[in-house]
Amino acid sequence: MRIGELAKATGTSPRALRHYEQAGLISSERAPNGYRIYDERAVVRVRNIRYLLAAGLTLDDVQVFLPCLDSDVAAARPSDKGLRVALERLAVLNERIAAQTEARDRLEAALRHRTGSRIRPVA
């Protein structure tokens, strides 16, 4: 299938697919006209990549999961290395959340001090 077909089948953009390919997570053949041609199995692989990215992993983190990207990643037991990478990423995310929470609390306190009332967040 061509890049547009794979993009449509996986709910991603052609640009993201080219990025995944550049990162070595997917591969394609080239048609005589230069178009990228992907194997049907690329659909599962891209969906798994998107699943892992949505879980908070980075493309570099996803490299660890290469051996299992062609099967059901969500149902598979992670390797020790995969588990370690996921736990490290979770720690990074928790640190970022804590930092953002502190920044929000400082800003809210400053605004409350200036306005003398409770601040309602804007949705």
PDB file of N, CA and C in Angstrom:
ATOM      1  N   MET A   1       0.847  -1.175   0.000  1.00  0.00           N
ATOM      2  CA  MET A   1       0.000   0.000   0.000  1.00  0.00           C
ATOM      3  C   MET A   1       0.891   1.237   0.000  1.00  0.00           C
ATOM      4  N   ARG A   2       0.375   2.308  -0.541  1.00  0.00           N
ATOM      5  CA  ARG A   2       1.132   3.554  -0.584  1.00  0.00           C
ATOM      6  C   ARG A   2       0.981   4.303   0.739  1.00  0.00           C
ATOM      7  N   ILE A   3       1.790   5.322   0.907  1.00  0.00           N
ATOM      8  CA  ILE A   3       1.855   6.034   2.180  1.00  0.00           C
ATOM      9  C   ILE A   3       0.508   6.642   2.580  1.00  0.00           C
ATOM     10  N   GLY A   4      -0.237   7.169   1.635  1.00  0.00           N
ATOM     11  CA  GLY A   4      -1.547   7.739   1.945  1.00  0.00           C
ATOM     12  C   GLY A   4      -2.531   6.688   2.432  1.00  0.00           C
ATOM     13  N   GLU A   5      -2.460   5.508   1.851  1.00  0.00           N
ATOM     14  CA  GLU A   5      -3.341   4.409   2.266  1.00  0.00           C
ATOM     15  C   GLU A   5      -2.992   3.945   3.682  1.00  0.00           C
ATOM     16  N   LEU A   6      -1.688   3.844   3.961  1.00  0.00           N
ATOM     17  CA  LEU A   6      -1.265   3.452   5.306  1.00  0.00           C
ATOM     18  C   LEU A   6      -1.660   4.524   6.316  1.00  0.00           C
ATOM     19  N   ALA A   7      -1.506   5.769   5.950  1.00  0.00           N
ATOM     20  CA  ALA A   7      -1.892   6.861   6.836  1.00  0.00           C
ATOM     21  C   ALA A   7      -3.381   6.779   7.166  1.00  0.00           C
ATOM     22  N   LYS A   8      -4.190   6.569   6.158  1.00  0.00           N
ATOM     23  CA  LYS A   8      -5.645   6.482   6.367  1.00  0.00           C
ATOM     24  C   LYS A   8      -6.004   5.266   7.217  1.00  0.00           C
ATOM     25  N   ALA A   9      -5.366   4.136   6.950  1.00  0.00           N
ATOM     26  CA  ALA A   9      -5.668   2.903   7.682  1.00  0.00           C
ATOM     27  C   ALA A   9      -5.269   2.976   9.153  1.00  0.00           C
ATOM     28  N   THR A  10      -4.311   3.831   9.473  1.00  0.00           N
ATOM     29  CA  THR A  10      -3.807   3.896  10.844  1.00  0.00           C
ATOM     30  C   THR A  10      -4.167   5.181  11.570  1.00  0.00           C
ATOM     31  N   GLY A  11      -4.812   6.106  10.879  1.00  0.00           N
ATOM     32  CA  GLY A  11      -5.191   7.361  11.503  1.00  0.00           C
ATOM     33  C   GLY A  11      -4.006   8.255  11.825  1.00  0.00           C
ATOM     34  N   THR A  12      -2.988   8.160  11.004  1.00  0.00           N
ATOM     35  CA  THR A  12      -1.810   9.009  11.202  1.00  0.00           C
ATOM     36  C   THR A  12      -1.545   9.810   9.938  1.00  0.00           C
ATOM     37  N   SER A  13      -0.533  10.612   9.950  1.00  0.00           N
ATOM     38  CA  SER A  13      -0.230  11.432   8.780  1.00  0.00           C
ATOM     39  C   SER A  13       0.939  10.836   8.001  1.00  0.00           C
ATOM     40  N   PRO A  14       1.002  11.114   6.707  1.00  0.00           N
ATOM     41  CA  PRO A  14       2.162  10.675   5.935  1.00  0.00           C
ATOM     42  C   PRO A  14       3.468  11.208   6.520  1.00  0.00           C
ATOM     43  N   ARG A  15       3.426  12.415   7.042  1.00  0.00           N
ATOM     44  CA  ARG A  15       4.637  12.986   7.649  1.00  0.00           C
ATOM     45  C   ARG A  15       5.103  12.147   8.838  1.00  0.00           C
ATOM     46  N   ALA A  16       4.159  11.724   9.691  1.00  0.00           N
ATOM     47  CA  ALA A  16       4.507  10.883  10.839  1.00  0.00           C
ATOM     48  C   ALA A  16       5.081   9.547  10.366  1.00  0.00           C
ATOM     49  N   LEU A  17       4.491   8.981   9.309  1.00  0.00           N
ATOM     50  CA  LEU A  17       5.001   7.712   8.787  1.00  0.00           C
ATOM     51  C   LEU A  17       6.429   7.854   8.283  1.00  0.00           C
ATOM     52  N   ARG A  18       6.715   8.945   7.593  1.00  0.00           N
ATOM     53  CA  ARG A  18       8.091   9.184   7.139  1.00  0.00           C
ATOM     54  C   ARG A  18       9.025   9.329   8.335  1.00  0.00           C
ATOM     55  N   HIS A  19       8.535   9.951   9.395  1.00  0.00           N
ATOM     56  CA  HIS A  19       9.325  10.109  10.616  1.00  0.00           C
ATOM     57  C   HIS A  19       9.599   8.743  11.260  1.00  0.00           C
ATOM     58  N   TYR A  20       8.582   7.890  11.327  1.00  0.00           N
ATOM     59  CA  TYR A  20       8.757   6.544  11.881  1.00  0.00           C
ATOM     60  C   TYR A  20       9.763   5.758  11.035  1.00  0.00           C
ATOM     61  N   GLU A  21       9.682   5.946   9.735  1.00  0.00           N
ATOM     62  CA  GLU A  21      10.609   5.242   8.845  1.00  0.00           C
ATOM     63  C   GLU A  21      12.036   5.748   9.060  1.00  0.00           C
ATOM     64  N   GLN A  22      12.193   7.031   9.189  1.00  0.00           N
ATOM     65  CA  GLN A  22      13.518   7.607   9.431  1.00  0.00           C
ATOM     66  C   GLN A  22      14.089   7.115  10.756  1.00  0.00           C
ATOM     67  N   ALA A  23      13.220   6.878  11.733  1.00  0.00           N
ATOM     68  CA  ALA A  23      13.643   6.376  13.039  1.00  0.00           C
ATOM     69  C   ALA A  23      13.924   4.874  13.013  1.00  0.00           C
ATOM     70  N   GLY A  24      13.631   4.215  11.890  1.00  0.00           N
ATOM     71  CA  GLY A  24      13.889   2.786  11.771  1.00  0.00           C
ATOM     72  C   GLY A  24      12.803   1.897  12.347  1.00  0.00           C
ATOM     73  N   LEU A  25      11.624   2.469  12.596  1.00  0.00           N
ATOM     74  CA  LEU A  25      10.532   1.696  13.184  1.00  0.00           C
ATOM     75  C   LEU A  25       9.677   0.992  12.137  1.00  0.00           C
ATOM     76  N   ILE A  26       9.599   1.548  10.940  1.00  0.00           N
ATOM     77  CA  ILE A  26       8.907   0.900   9.828  1.00  0.00           C
ATOM     78  C   ILE A  26       9.812   0.992   8.602  1.00  0.00           C
ATOM     79  N   SER A  27       9.493   0.197   7.604  1.00  0.00           N
ATOM     80  CA  SER A  27      10.288   0.253   6.370  1.00  0.00           C
ATOM     81  C   SER A  27       9.353   0.132   5.169  1.00  0.00           C
ATOM     82  N   SER A  28       9.866   0.569   4.039  1.00  0.00           N
ATOM     83  CA  SER A  28       9.088   0.501   2.802  1.00  0.00           C
ATOM     84  C   SER A  28      10.014   0.125   1.660  1.00  0.00           C
ATOM     85  N   GLU A  29       9.397  -0.264   0.595  1.00  0.00           N
ATOM     86  CA  GLU A  29      10.107  -0.483  -0.666  1.00  0.00           C
ATOM     87  C   GLU A  29       9.780   0.727  -1.533  1.00  0.00           C
ATOM     88  N   ARG A  30      10.550   0.911  -2.555  1.00  0.00           N
ATOM     89  CA  ARG A  30      10.269   2.012  -3.484  1.00  0.00           C
ATOM     90  C   ARG A  30       9.746   1.457  -4.798  1.00  0.00           C
ATOM     91  N   ALA A  31       8.634   2.016  -5.244  1.00  0.00           N
ATOM     92  CA  ALA A  31       8.076   1.658  -6.546  1.00  0.00           C
ATOM     93  C   ALA A  31       8.947   2.307  -7.627  1.00  0.00           C
ATOM     94  N   PRO A  32       8.830   1.858  -8.866  1.00  0.00           N
ATOM     95  CA  PRO A  32       9.621   2.467  -9.947  1.00  0.00           C
ATOM     96  C   PRO A  32       9.441   3.989 -10.054  1.00  0.00           C
ATOM     97  N   ASN A  33       8.278   4.478  -9.653  1.00  0.00           N
ATOM     98  CA  ASN A  33       8.033   5.924  -9.704  1.00  0.00           C
ATOM     99  C   ASN A  33       8.541   6.647  -8.452  1.00  0.00           C
ATOM    100  N   GLY A  34       9.153   5.923  -7.521  1.00  0.00           N
ATOM    101  CA  GLY A  34       9.717   6.513  -6.307  1.00  0.00           C
ATOM    102  C   GLY A  34       8.791   6.530  -5.114  1.00  0.00           C
ATOM    103  N   TYR A  35       7.527   6.141  -5.305  1.00  0.00           N
ATOM    104  CA  TYR A  35       6.580   6.126  -4.194  1.00  0.00           C
ATOM    105  C   TYR A  35       6.970   5.052  -3.177  1.00  0.00           C
ATOM    106  N   ARG A  36       6.716   5.336  -1.920  1.00  0.00           N
ATOM    107  CA  ARG A  36       6.918   4.343  -0.870  1.00  0.00           C
ATOM    108  C   ARG A  36       5.791   3.324  -0.944  1.00  0.00           C
ATOM    109  N   ILE A  37       6.160   2.059  -0.840  1.00  0.00           N
ATOM    110  CA  ILE A  37       5.182   0.971  -0.815  1.00  0.00           C
ATOM    111  C   ILE A  37       5.394   0.191   0.485  1.00  0.00           C
ATOM    112  N   TYR A  38       4.321   0.082   1.269  1.00  0.00           N
ATOM    113  CA  TYR A  38       4.380  -0.596   2.559  1.00  0.00           C
ATOM    114  C   TYR A  38       3.663  -1.934   2.490  1.00  0.00           C
ATOM    115  N   ASP A  39       4.177  -2.886   3.228  1.00  0.00           N
ATOM    116  CA  ASP A  39       3.562  -4.196   3.386  1.00  0.00           C
ATOM    117  C   ASP A  39       2.299  -4.040   4.238  1.00  0.00           C
ATOM    118  N   GLU A  40       1.336  -4.911   4.043  1.00  0.00           N
ATOM    119  CA  GLU A  40       0.089  -4.863   4.825  1.00  0.00           C
ATOM    120  C   GLU A  40       0.355  -4.969   6.328  1.00  0.00           C
ATOM    121  N   ARG A  41       1.437  -5.641   6.713  1.00  0.00           N
ATOM    122  CA  ARG A  41       1.758  -5.796   8.139  1.00  0.00           C
ATOM    123  C   ARG A  41       2.138  -4.468   8.790  1.00  0.00           C
ATOM    124  N   ALA A  42       2.431  -3.471   7.986  1.00  0.00           N
ATOM    125  CA  ALA A  42       2.804  -2.165   8.526  1.00  0.00           C
ATOM    126  C   ALA A  42       1.645  -1.534   9.304  1.00  0.00           C
ATOM    127  N   VAL A  43       0.426  -1.912   8.983  1.00  0.00           N
ATOM    128  CA  VAL A  43      -0.738  -1.359   9.695  1.00  0.00           C
ATOM    129  C   VAL A  43      -0.649  -1.703  11.179  1.00  0.00           C
ATOM    130  N   VAL A  44      -0.391  -2.963  11.494  1.00  0.00           N
ATOM    131  CA  VAL A  44      -0.281  -3.391  12.896  1.00  0.00           C
ATOM    132  C   VAL A  44       0.897  -2.690  13.561  1.00  0.00           C
ATOM    133  N   ARG A  45       2.012  -2.627  12.860  1.00  0.00           N
ATOM    134  CA  ARG A  45       3.220  -2.007  13.410  1.00  0.00           C
ATOM    135  C   ARG A  45       2.962  -0.527  13.735  1.00  0.00           C
ATOM    136  N   VAL A  46       2.358   0.198  12.822  1.00  0.00           N
ATOM    137  CA  VAL A  46       2.100   1.624  13.055  1.00  0.00           C
ATOM    138  C   VAL A  46       1.093   1.807  14.179  1.00  0.00           C
ATOM    139  N   ARG A  47       0.073   0.996  14.236  1.00  0.00           N
ATOM    140  CA  ARG A  47      -0.896   1.101  15.338  1.00  0.00           C
ATOM    141  C   ARG A  47      -0.215   0.854  16.681  1.00  0.00           C
ATOM    142  N   ASN A  48       0.722  -0.103  16.725  1.00  0.00           N
ATOM    143  CA  ASN A  48       1.460  -0.361  17.961  1.00  0.00           C
ATOM    144  C   ASN A  48       2.371   0.812  18.317  1.00  0.00           C
ATOM    145  N   ILE A  49       3.006   1.393  17.328  1.00  0.00           N
ATOM    146  CA  ILE A  49       3.854   2.570  17.577  1.00  0.00           C
ATOM    147  C   ILE A  49       3.012   3.689  18.162  1.00  0.00           C
ATOM    148  N   ARG A  50       1.859   3.941  17.559  1.00  0.00           N
ATOM    149  CA  ARG A  50       0.967   4.996  18.043  1.00  0.00           C
ATOM    150  C   ARG A  50       0.459   4.694  19.458  1.00  0.00           C
ATOM    151  N   TYR A  51       0.200   3.436  19.750  1.00  0.00           N
ATOM    152  CA  TYR A  51      -0.230   3.025  21.093  1.00  0.00           C
ATOM    153  C   TYR A  51       0.859   3.358  22.120  1.00  0.00           C
ATOM    154  N   LEU A  52       2.094   3.012  21.794  1.00  0.00           N
ATOM    155  CA  LEU A  52       3.204   3.265  22.713  1.00  0.00           C
ATOM    156  C   LEU A  52       3.472   4.758  22.864  1.00  0.00           C
ATOM    157  N   LEU A  53       3.384   5.505  21.778  1.00  0.00           N
ATOM    158  CA  LEU A  53       3.563   6.958  21.858  1.00  0.00           C
ATOM    159  C   LEU A  53       2.452   7.595  22.688  1.00  0.00           C
ATOM    160  N   ALA A  54       1.226   7.128  22.504  1.00  0.00           N
ATOM    161  CA  ALA A  54       0.088   7.663  23.270  1.00  0.00           C
ATOM    162  C   ALA A  54       0.228   7.349  24.756  1.00  0.00           C
ATOM    163  N   ALA A  55       0.954   6.273  25.074  1.00  0.00           N
ATOM    164  CA  ALA A  55       1.182   5.903  26.474  1.00  0.00           C
ATOM    165  C   ALA A  55       2.258   6.772  27.117  1.00  0.00           C
ATOM    166  N   GLY A  56       2.897   7.634  26.312  1.00  0.00           N
ATOM    167  CA  GLY A  56       3.888   8.543  26.868  1.00  0.00           C
ATOM    168  C   GLY A  56       5.326   8.226  26.517  1.00  0.00           C
ATOM    169  N   LEU A  57       5.540   7.150  25.762  1.00  0.00           N
ATOM    170  CA  LEU A  57       6.904   6.806  25.364  1.00  0.00           C
ATOM    171  C   LEU A  57       7.348   7.702  24.211  1.00  0.00           C
ATOM    172  N   THR A  58       8.647   7.801  24.027  1.00  0.00           N
ATOM    173  CA  THR A  58       9.205   8.547  22.905  1.00  0.00           C
ATOM    174  C   THR A  58       9.566   7.574  21.784  1.00  0.00           C
ATOM    175  N   LEU A  59       9.893   8.105  20.617  1.00  0.00           N
ATOM    176  CA  LEU A  59      10.326   7.230  19.522  1.00  0.00           C
ATOM    177  C   LEU A  59      11.572   6.451  19.907  1.00  0.00           C
ATOM    178  N   ASP A  60      12.479   7.086  20.634  1.00  0.00           N
ATOM    179  CA  ASP A  60      13.663   6.358  21.108  1.00  0.00           C
ATOM    180  C   ASP A  60      13.270   5.222  22.041  1.00  0.00           C
ATOM    181  N   ASP A  61      12.294   5.471  22.911  1.00  0.00           N
ATOM    182  CA  ASP A  61      11.817   4.414  23.811  1.00  0.00           C
ATOM    183  C   ASP A  61      11.210   3.259  23.021  1.00  0.00           C
ATOM    184  N   VAL A  62      10.471   3.592  21.973  1.00  0.00           N
ATOM    185  CA  VAL A  62       9.774   2.567  21.176  1.00  0.00           C
ATOM    186  C   VAL A  62      10.768   1.608  20.527  1.00  0.00           C
ATOM    187  N   GLN A  63      11.992   2.060  20.278  1.00  0.00           N
ATOM    188  CA  GLN A  63      13.020   1.188  19.684  1.00  0.00           C
ATOM    189  C   GLN A  63      13.176  -0.102  20.473  1.00  0.00           C
ATOM    190  N   VAL A  64      13.046  -0.029  21.787  1.00  0.00           N
ATOM    191  CA  VAL A  64      13.202  -1.201  22.646  1.00  0.00           C
ATOM    192  C   VAL A  64      12.147  -2.259  22.332  1.00  0.00           C
ATOM    193  N   PHE A  65      11.001  -1.813  21.842  1.00  0.00           N
ATOM    194  CA  PHE A  65       9.878  -2.714  21.596  1.00  0.00           C
ATOM    195  C   PHE A  65       9.856  -3.258  20.163  1.00  0.00           C
ATOM    196  N   LEU A  66      10.878  -2.967  19.371  1.00  0.00           N
ATOM    197  CA  LEU A  66      10.920  -3.414  17.972  1.00  0.00           C
ATOM    198  C   LEU A  66      10.596  -4.899  17.795  1.00  0.00           C
ATOM    199  N   PRO A  67      11.133  -5.797  18.621  1.00  0.00           N
ATOM    200  CA  PRO A  67      10.858  -7.222  18.406  1.00  0.00           C
ATOM    201  C   PRO A  67       9.385  -7.612  18.514  1.00  0.00           C
ATOM    202  N   CYS A  68       8.571  -6.782  19.165  1.00  0.00           N
ATOM    203  CA  CYS A  68       7.165  -7.168  19.339  1.00  0.00           C
ATOM    204  C   CYS A  68       6.188  -6.206  18.674  1.00  0.00           C
ATOM    205  N   LEU A  69       6.654  -5.321  17.801  1.00  0.00           N
ATOM    206  CA  LEU A  69       5.763  -4.359  17.165  1.00  0.00           C
ATOM    207  C   LEU A  69       4.824  -4.987  16.137  1.00  0.00           C
ATOM    208  N   ASP A  70       5.104  -6.199  15.720  1.00  0.00           N
ATOM    209  CA  ASP A  70       4.256  -6.841  14.714  1.00  0.00           C
ATOM    210  C   ASP A  70       3.168  -7.715  15.323  1.00  0.00           C
ATOM    211  N   SER A  71       3.068  -7.714  16.658  1.00  0.00           N
ATOM    212  CA  SER A  71       2.006  -8.471  17.326  1.00  0.00           C
ATOM    213  C   SER A  71       1.250  -7.521  18.257  1.00  0.00           C
ATOM    214  N   ASP A  72       0.434  -8.061  19.118  1.00  0.00           N
ATOM    215  CA  ASP A  72      -0.382  -7.245  20.012  1.00  0.00           C
ATOM    216  C   ASP A  72       0.457  -6.743  21.185  1.00  0.00           C
ATOM    217  N   VAL A  73       1.014  -5.556  21.053  1.00  0.00           N
ATOM    218  CA  VAL A  73       1.888  -4.988  22.076  1.00  0.00           C
ATOM    219  C   VAL A  73       1.141  -4.813  23.394  1.00  0.00           C
ATOM    220  N   ALA A  74      -0.094  -4.396  23.330  1.00  0.00           N
ATOM    221  CA  ALA A  74      -0.866  -4.129  24.543  1.00  0.00           C
ATOM    222  C   ALA A  74      -1.073  -5.395  25.370  1.00  0.00           C
ATOM    223  N   ALA A  75      -1.148  -6.538  24.718  1.00  0.00           N
ATOM    224  CA  ALA A  75      -1.408  -7.790  25.426  1.00  0.00           C
ATOM    225  C   ALA A  75      -0.132  -8.530  25.803  1.00  0.00           C
ATOM    226  N   ALA A  76       0.982  -8.169  25.199  1.00  0.00           N
ATOM    227  CA  ALA A  76       2.238  -8.886  25.429  1.00  0.00           C
ATOM    228  C   ALA A  76       2.853  -8.497  26.770  1.00  0.00           C
ATOM    229  N   ARG A  77       3.547  -9.433  27.379  1.00  0.00           N
ATOM    230  CA  ARG A  77       4.298  -9.152  28.594  1.00  0.00           C
ATOM    231  C   ARG A  77       5.573  -8.441  28.181  1.00  0.00           C
ATOM    232  N   PRO A  78       5.863  -7.281  28.784  1.00  0.00           N
ATOM    233  CA  PRO A  78       7.065  -6.550  28.369  1.00  0.00           C
ATOM    234  C   PRO A  78       8.339  -7.267  28.803  1.00  0.00           C
ATOM    235  N   SER A  79       9.372  -7.108  28.023  1.00  0.00           N
ATOM    236  CA  SER A  79      10.680  -7.643  28.397  1.00  0.00           C
ATOM    237  C   SER A  79      11.197  -6.848  29.585  1.00  0.00           C
ATOM    238  N   ASP A  80      12.232  -7.349  30.221  1.00  0.00           N
ATOM    239  CA  ASP A  80      12.822  -6.609  31.335  1.00  0.00           C
ATOM    240  C   ASP A  80      13.294  -5.234  30.878  1.00  0.00           C
ATOM    241  N   LYS A  81      13.885  -5.184  29.693  1.00  0.00           N
ATOM    242  CA  LYS A  81      14.369  -3.903  29.165  1.00  0.00           C
ATOM    243  C   LYS A  81      13.196  -2.977  28.852  1.00  0.00           C
ATOM    244  N   GLY A  82      12.136  -3.525  28.249  1.00  0.00           N
ATOM    245  CA  GLY A  82      10.946  -2.727  27.951  1.00  0.00           C
ATOM    246  C   GLY A  82      10.302  -2.182  29.215  1.00  0.00           C
ATOM    247  N   LEU A  83      10.250  -3.007  30.229  1.00  0.00           N
ATOM    248  CA  LEU A  83       9.673  -2.582  31.506  1.00  0.00           C
ATOM    249  C   LEU A  83      10.528  -1.483  32.132  1.00  0.00           C
ATOM    250  N   ARG A  84      11.843  -1.630  32.069  1.00  0.00           N
ATOM    251  CA  ARG A  84      12.744  -0.619  32.618  1.00  0.00           C
ATOM    252  C   ARG A  84      12.562   0.719  31.896  1.00  0.00           C
ATOM    253  N   VAL A  85      12.487   0.678  30.564  1.00  0.00           N
ATOM    254  CA  VAL A  85      12.290   1.907  29.780  1.00  0.00           C
ATOM    255  C   VAL A  85      10.965   2.560  30.145  1.00  0.00           C
ATOM    256  N   ALA A  86       9.910   1.757  30.271  1.00  0.00           N
ATOM    257  CA  ALA A  86       8.592   2.308  30.607  1.00  0.00           C
ATOM    258  C   ALA A  86       8.604   2.926  32.005  1.00  0.00           C
ATOM    259  N   LEU A  87       9.260   2.275  32.951  1.00  0.00           N
ATOM    260  CA  LEU A  87       9.327   2.825  34.311  1.00  0.00           C
ATOM    261  C   LEU A  87      10.154   4.109  34.348  1.00  0.00           C
ATOM    262  N   GLU A  88      11.235   4.164  33.575  1.00  0.00           N
ATOM    263  CA  GLU A  88      12.036   5.391  33.495  1.00  0.00           C
ATOM    264  C   GLU A  88      11.221   6.527  32.878  1.00  0.00           C
ATOM    265  N   ARG A  89      10.455   6.229  31.836  1.00  0.00           N
ATOM    266  CA  ARG A  89       9.632   7.258  31.202  1.00  0.00           C
ATOM    267  C   ARG A  89       8.549   7.724  32.170  1.00  0.00           C
ATOM    268  N   LEU A  90       7.973   6.800  32.933  1.00  0.00           N
ATOM    269  CA  LEU A  90       6.961   7.165  33.923  1.00  0.00           C
ATOM    270  C   LEU A  90       7.550   8.122  34.962  1.00  0.00           C
ATOM    271  N   ALA A  91       8.776   7.870  35.399  1.00  0.00           N
ATOM    272  CA  ALA A  91       9.429   8.757  36.364  1.00  0.00           C
ATOM    273  C   ALA A  91       9.622  10.152  35.768  1.00  0.00           C
ATOM    274  N   VAL A  92      10.029  10.221  34.498  1.00  0.00           N
ATOM    275  CA  VAL A  92      10.202  11.511  33.831  1.00  0.00           C
ATOM    276  C   VAL A  92       8.870  12.251  33.749  1.00  0.00           C
ATOM    277  N   LEU A  93       7.817  11.546  33.362  1.00  0.00           N
ATOM    278  CA  LEU A  93       6.491  12.171  33.269  1.00  0.00           C
ATOM    279  C   LEU A  93       6.018  12.661  34.633  1.00  0.00           C
ATOM    280  N   ASN A  94       6.239  11.863  35.674  1.00  0.00           N
ATOM    281  CA  ASN A  94       5.837  12.285  37.023  1.00  0.00           C
ATOM    282  C   ASN A  94       6.595  13.531  37.468  1.00  0.00           C
ATOM    283  N   GLU A  95       7.896  13.620  37.120  1.00  0.00           N
ATOM    284  CA  GLU A  95       8.677  14.815  37.450  1.00  0.00           C
ATOM    285  C   GLU A  95       8.121  16.040  36.723  1.00  0.00           C
ATOM    286  N   ARG A  96       7.774  15.868  35.459  1.00  0.00           N
ATOM    287  CA  ARG A  96       7.224  16.986  34.689  1.00  0.00           C
ATOM    288  C   ARG A  96       5.874  17.433  35.249  1.00  0.00           C
ATOM    289  N   ILE A  97       5.043  16.467  35.612  1.00  0.00           N
ATOM    290  CA  ILE A  97       3.733  16.790  36.178  1.00  0.00           C
ATOM    291  C   ILE A  97       3.911  17.549  37.494  1.00  0.00           C
ATOM    292  N   ALA A  98       4.839  17.094  38.324  1.00  0.00           N
ATOM    293  CA  ALA A  98       5.082  17.765  39.602  1.00  0.00           C
ATOM    294  C   ALA A  98       5.567  19.194  39.373  1.00  0.00           C
ATOM    295  N   ALA A  99       6.466  19.368  38.402  1.00  0.00           N
ATOM    296  CA  ALA A  99       6.977  20.712  38.109  1.00  0.00           C
ATOM    297  C   ALA A  99       5.866  21.618  37.596  1.00  0.00           C
ATOM    298  N   GLN A 100       5.015  21.109  36.726  1.00  0.00           N
ATOM    299  CA  GLN A 100       3.915  21.906  36.197  1.00  0.00           C
ATOM    300  C   GLN A 100       2.894  22.226  37.288  1.00  0.00           C
ATOM    301  N   THR A 101       2.655  21.274  38.177  1.00  0.00           N
ATOM    302  CA  THR A 101       1.719  21.503  39.286  1.00  0.00           C
ATOM    303  C   THR A 101       2.244  22.606  40.198  1.00  0.00           C
ATOM    304  N   GLU A 102       3.550  22.564  40.481  1.00  0.00           N
ATOM    305  CA  GLU A 102       4.155  23.612  41.305  1.00  0.00           C
ATOM    306  C   GLU A 102       4.052  24.977  40.625  1.00  0.00           C
ATOM    307  N   ALA A 103       4.320  25.025  39.336  1.00  0.00           N
ATOM    308  CA  ALA A 103       4.229  26.291  38.593  1.00  0.00           C
ATOM    309  C   ALA A 103       2.801  26.818  38.614  1.00  0.00           C
ATOM    310  N   ARG A 104       1.839  25.924  38.396  1.00  0.00           N
ATOM    311  CA  ARG A 104       0.428  26.341  38.432  1.00  0.00           C
ATOM    312  C   ARG A 104       0.060  26.887  39.804  1.00  0.00           C
ATOM    313  N   ASP A 105       0.510  26.193  40.858  1.00  0.00           N
ATOM    314  CA  ASP A 105       0.184  26.628  42.214  1.00  0.00           C
ATOM    315  C   ASP A 105       0.805  27.989  42.539  1.00  0.00           C
ATOM    316  N   ARG A 106       2.044  28.213  42.081  1.00  0.00           N
ATOM    317  CA  ARG A 106       2.685  29.517  42.304  1.00  0.00           C
ATOM    318  C   ARG A 106       1.942  30.628  41.567  1.00  0.00           C
ATOM    319  N   LEU A 107       1.558  30.348  40.312  1.00  0.00           N
ATOM    320  CA  LEU A 107       0.827  31.344  39.529  1.00  0.00           C
ATOM    321  C   LEU A 107      -0.533  31.627  40.159  1.00  0.00           C
ATOM    322  N   GLU A 108      -1.200  30.583  40.587  1.00  0.00           N
ATOM    323  CA  GLU A 108      -2.510  30.774  41.218  1.00  0.00           C
ATOM    324  C   GLU A 108      -2.380  31.587  42.500  1.00  0.00           C
ATOM    325  N   ALA A 109      -1.345  31.313  43.299  1.00  0.00           N
ATOM    326  CA  ALA A 109      -1.130  32.064  44.542  1.00  0.00           C
ATOM    327  C   ALA A 109      -0.828  33.527  44.237  1.00  0.00           C
ATOM    328  N   ALA A 110      -0.014  33.780  43.214  1.00  0.00           N
ATOM    329  CA  ALA A 110       0.306  35.161  42.846  1.00  0.00           C
ATOM    330  C   ALA A 110      -0.946  35.898  42.386  1.00  0.00           C
ATOM    331  N   LEU A 111      -1.759  35.248  41.601  1.00  0.00           N
ATOM    332  CA  LEU A 111      -3.000  35.876  41.131  1.00  0.00           C
ATOM    333  C   LEU A 111      -3.974  36.101  42.283  1.00  0.00           C
ATOM    334  N   ARG A 112      -4.044  35.148  43.171  1.00  0.00           N
ATOM    335  CA  ARG A 112      -4.942  35.284  44.323  1.00  0.00           C
ATOM    336  C   ARG A 112      -4.478  36.453  45.202  1.00  0.00           C
ATOM    337  N   HIS A 113      -3.171  36.566  45.357  1.00  0.00           N
ATOM    338  CA  HIS A 113      -2.607  37.672  46.146  1.00  0.00           C
ATOM    339  C   HIS A 113      -2.950  39.025  45.508  1.00  0.00           C
ATOM    340  N   ARG A 114      -2.864  39.082  44.186  1.00  0.00           N
ATOM    341  CA  ARG A 114      -3.127  40.347  43.465  1.00  0.00           C
ATOM    342  C   ARG A 114      -4.608  40.691  43.409  1.00  0.00           C
ATOM    343  N   THR A 115      -5.445  39.673  43.268  1.00  0.00           N
ATOM    344  CA  THR A 115      -6.880  39.942  43.095  1.00  0.00           C
ATOM    345  C   THR A 115      -7.664  39.791  44.382  1.00  0.00           C
ATOM    346  N   GLY A 116      -7.087  39.096  45.366  1.00  0.00           N
ATOM    347  CA  GLY A 116      -7.756  38.919  46.657  1.00  0.00           C
ATOM    348  C   GLY A 116      -8.921  37.943  46.607  1.00  0.00           C
ATOM    349  N   SER A 117      -9.021  37.162  45.536  1.00  0.00           N
ATOM    350  CA  SER A 117     -10.117  36.194  45.461  1.00  0.00           C
ATOM    351  C   SER A 117      -9.632  34.889  44.859  1.00  0.00           C
ATOM    352  N   ARG A 118     -10.462  33.906  44.962  1.00  0.00           N
ATOM    353  CA  ARG A 118     -10.172  32.589  44.394  1.00  0.00           C
ATOM    354  C   ARG A 118     -10.184  32.688  42.867  1.00  0.00           C
ATOM    355  N   ILE A 119      -9.234  32.071  42.239  1.00  0.00           N
ATOM    356  CA  ILE A 119      -9.117  32.096  40.785  1.00  0.00           C
ATOM    357  C   ILE A 119      -9.829  30.867  40.218  1.00  0.00           C
ATOM    358  N   ARG A 120     -10.668  31.104  39.258  1.00  0.00           N
ATOM    359  CA  ARG A 120     -11.341  29.991  38.585  1.00  0.00           C
ATOM    360  C   ARG A 120     -10.593  29.686  37.292  1.00  0.00           C
ATOM    361  N   PRO A 121     -10.186  28.416  37.111  1.00  0.00           N
ATOM    362  CA  PRO A 121      -9.483  28.079  35.872  1.00  0.00           C
ATOM    363  C   PRO A 121     -10.357  28.281  34.648  1.00  0.00           C
ATOM    364  N   VAL A 122      -9.754  28.709  33.580  1.00  0.00           N
ATOM    365  CA  VAL A 122     -10.456  28.874  32.302  1.00  0.00           C
ATOM    366  C   VAL A 122     -10.416  27.535  31.595  1.00  0.00           C
ATOM    367  N   ALA A 123     -11.564  27.079  31.164  1.00  0.00           N
ATOM    368  CA  ALA A 123     -11.636  25.771  30.510  1.00  0.00           C
ATOM    369  C   ALA A 123     -11.241  25.837  29.062  1.00  0.00           C
TER     370      ALA A 123
END
